[in-house]
Amino acid sequence: MIEMADQASRERAQRLRQIRRERGDREMNVWIPHNVGVAIDRAVATGRYPSRQVAIAHVLEAAFVQKEPDKVT
């Protein structure tokens, strides 16, 4: 019974990874300092972000993606 659940879980993860690849997302594994991990966990625990993934993606986007300022005409 447990083996079936493990297989189903692996298949779901594989489908999710495929969907993310198709939309252009990339999986990157990085090591982070302990204090950064604690801060991320605290932000998630207090409800600032719904998950670690969302928190990390938000901060990376803010740091690396340049957005054009709104233009008033």
C-alpha atoms as a PDB file:
ATOM      1  CA  MET A   1       0.000   0.000   0.000  1.00  0.00           C
ATOM      2  CA  ILE A   2       2.785   2.456   0.911  1.00  0.00           C
ATOM      3  CA  GLU A   3       4.609   1.637  -2.309  1.00  0.00           C
ATOM      4  CA  MET A   4       1.530   2.671  -4.354  1.00  0.00           C
ATOM      5  CA  ALA A   5       1.358   5.989  -2.478  1.00  0.00           C
ATOM      6  CA  ASP A   6       5.054   6.603  -3.076  1.00  0.00           C
ATOM      7  CA  GLN A   7       4.619   5.901  -6.782  1.00  0.00           C
ATOM      8  CA  ALA A   8       1.608   8.221  -7.023  1.00  0.00           C
ATOM      9  CA  SER A   9       3.551  10.926  -5.191  1.00  0.00           C
ATOM     10  CA  ARG A  10       6.515  10.569  -7.556  1.00  0.00           C
ATOM     11  CA  GLU A  11       4.201  10.785 -10.572  1.00  0.00           C
ATOM     12  CA  ARG A  12       2.542  13.956  -9.229  1.00  0.00           C
ATOM     13  CA  ALA A  13       5.936  15.539  -8.619  1.00  0.00           C
ATOM     14  CA  GLN A  14       7.066  14.579 -12.112  1.00  0.00           C
ATOM     15  CA  ARG A  15       3.926  16.124 -13.668  1.00  0.00           C
ATOM     16  CA  LEU A  16       4.394  19.308 -11.655  1.00  0.00           C
ATOM     17  CA  ARG A  17       8.030  19.582 -12.737  1.00  0.00           C
ATOM     18  CA  GLN A  18       7.009  19.070 -16.363  1.00  0.00           C
ATOM     19  CA  ILE A  19       4.346  21.793 -16.141  1.00  0.00           C
ATOM     20  CA  ARG A  20       6.876  24.180 -14.629  1.00  0.00           C
ATOM     21  CA  ARG A  21       9.439  23.386 -17.338  1.00  0.00           C
ATOM     22  CA  GLU A  22       6.820  24.000 -20.024  1.00  0.00           C
ATOM     23  CA  ARG A  23       6.070  27.456 -18.645  1.00  0.00           C
ATOM     24  CA  GLY A  24       9.789  28.250 -18.656  1.00  0.00           C
ATOM     25  CA  ASP A  25      10.608  27.848 -14.965  1.00  0.00           C
ATOM     26  CA  ARG A  26      13.990  26.438 -13.938  1.00  0.00           C
ATOM     27  CA  GLU A  27      14.819  24.344 -10.923  1.00  0.00           C
ATOM     28  CA  MET A  28      17.943  25.508  -9.118  1.00  0.00           C
ATOM     29  CA  ASN A  29      19.350  24.051  -5.928  1.00  0.00           C
ATOM     30  CA  VAL A  30      21.366  26.419  -3.763  1.00  0.00           C
ATOM     31  CA  TRP A  31      22.845  26.354  -0.293  1.00  0.00           C
ATOM     32  CA  ILE A  32      21.867  29.290   1.887  1.00  0.00           C
ATOM     33  CA  PRO A  33      23.303  30.490   5.189  1.00  0.00           C
ATOM     34  CA  HIS A  34      21.510  29.324   8.335  1.00  0.00           C
ATOM     35  CA  ASN A  35      20.335  32.816   9.280  1.00  0.00           C
ATOM     36  CA  VAL A  36      18.752  33.318   5.862  1.00  0.00           C
ATOM     37  CA  GLY A  37      16.876  30.020   6.177  1.00  0.00           C
ATOM     38  CA  VAL A  38      15.629  31.044   9.613  1.00  0.00           C
ATOM     39  CA  ALA A  39      14.436  34.394   8.258  1.00  0.00           C
ATOM     40  CA  ILE A  40      12.618  32.700   5.363  1.00  0.00           C
ATOM     41  CA  ASP A  41      10.953  30.240   7.729  1.00  0.00           C
ATOM     42  CA  ARG A  42       9.904  33.109  10.016  1.00  0.00           C
ATOM     43  CA  ALA A  43       8.397  35.042   7.080  1.00  0.00           C
ATOM     44  CA  VAL A  44       6.396  31.955   6.091  1.00  0.00           C
ATOM     45  CA  ALA A  45       5.336  31.203   9.679  1.00  0.00           C
ATOM     46  CA  THR A  46       4.049  34.749  10.198  1.00  0.00           C
ATOM     47  CA  GLY A  47       2.030  34.615   6.987  1.00  0.00           C
ATOM     48  CA  ARG A  48       4.083  37.081   4.973  1.00  0.00           C
ATOM     49  CA  TYR A  49       4.480  34.393   2.298  1.00  0.00           C
ATOM     50  CA  PRO A  50       2.484  31.196   1.799  1.00  0.00           C
ATOM     51  CA  SER A  51       5.580  29.039   1.255  1.00  0.00           C
ATOM     52  CA  ARG A  52       9.367  29.077   1.124  1.00  0.00           C
ATOM     53  CA  GLN A  53       9.237  28.778  -2.641  1.00  0.00           C
ATOM     54  CA  VAL A  54       7.059  31.868  -2.994  1.00  0.00           C
ATOM     55  CA  ALA A  55       9.239  33.833  -0.552  1.00  0.00           C
ATOM     56  CA  ILE A  56      12.464  32.972  -2.341  1.00  0.00           C
ATOM     57  CA  ALA A  57      11.019  33.609  -5.817  1.00  0.00           C
ATOM     58  CA  HIS A  58       9.626  36.981  -4.684  1.00  0.00           C
ATOM     59  CA  VAL A  59      12.955  38.145  -3.273  1.00  0.00           C
ATOM     60  CA  LEU A  60      14.933  36.919  -6.288  1.00  0.00           C
ATOM     61  CA  GLU A  61      12.561  38.690  -8.666  1.00  0.00           C
ATOM     62  CA  ALA A  62      12.825  41.912  -6.665  1.00  0.00           C
ATOM     63  CA  ALA A  63      16.630  41.706  -6.727  1.00  0.00           C
ATOM     64  CA  PHE A  64      17.223  40.656 -10.327  1.00  0.00           C
ATOM     65  CA  VAL A  65      14.279  41.619 -12.527  1.00  0.00           C
ATOM     66  CA  GLN A  66      14.236  45.228 -13.618  1.00  0.00           C
ATOM     67  CA  LYS A  67      10.770  46.656 -14.049  1.00  0.00           C
ATOM     68  CA  GLU A  68      10.121  49.729 -16.132  1.00  0.00           C
ATOM     69  CA  PRO A  69       8.579  52.591 -14.209  1.00  0.00           C
ATOM     70  CA  ASP A  70       5.000  53.467 -15.052  1.00  0.00           C
ATOM     71  CA  LYS A  71       4.899  56.212 -17.646  1.00  0.00           C
ATOM     72  CA  VAL A  72       2.362  58.978 -17.357  1.00  0.00           C
ATOM     73  CA  THR A  73       1.347  60.563 -20.622  1.00  0.00           C
END
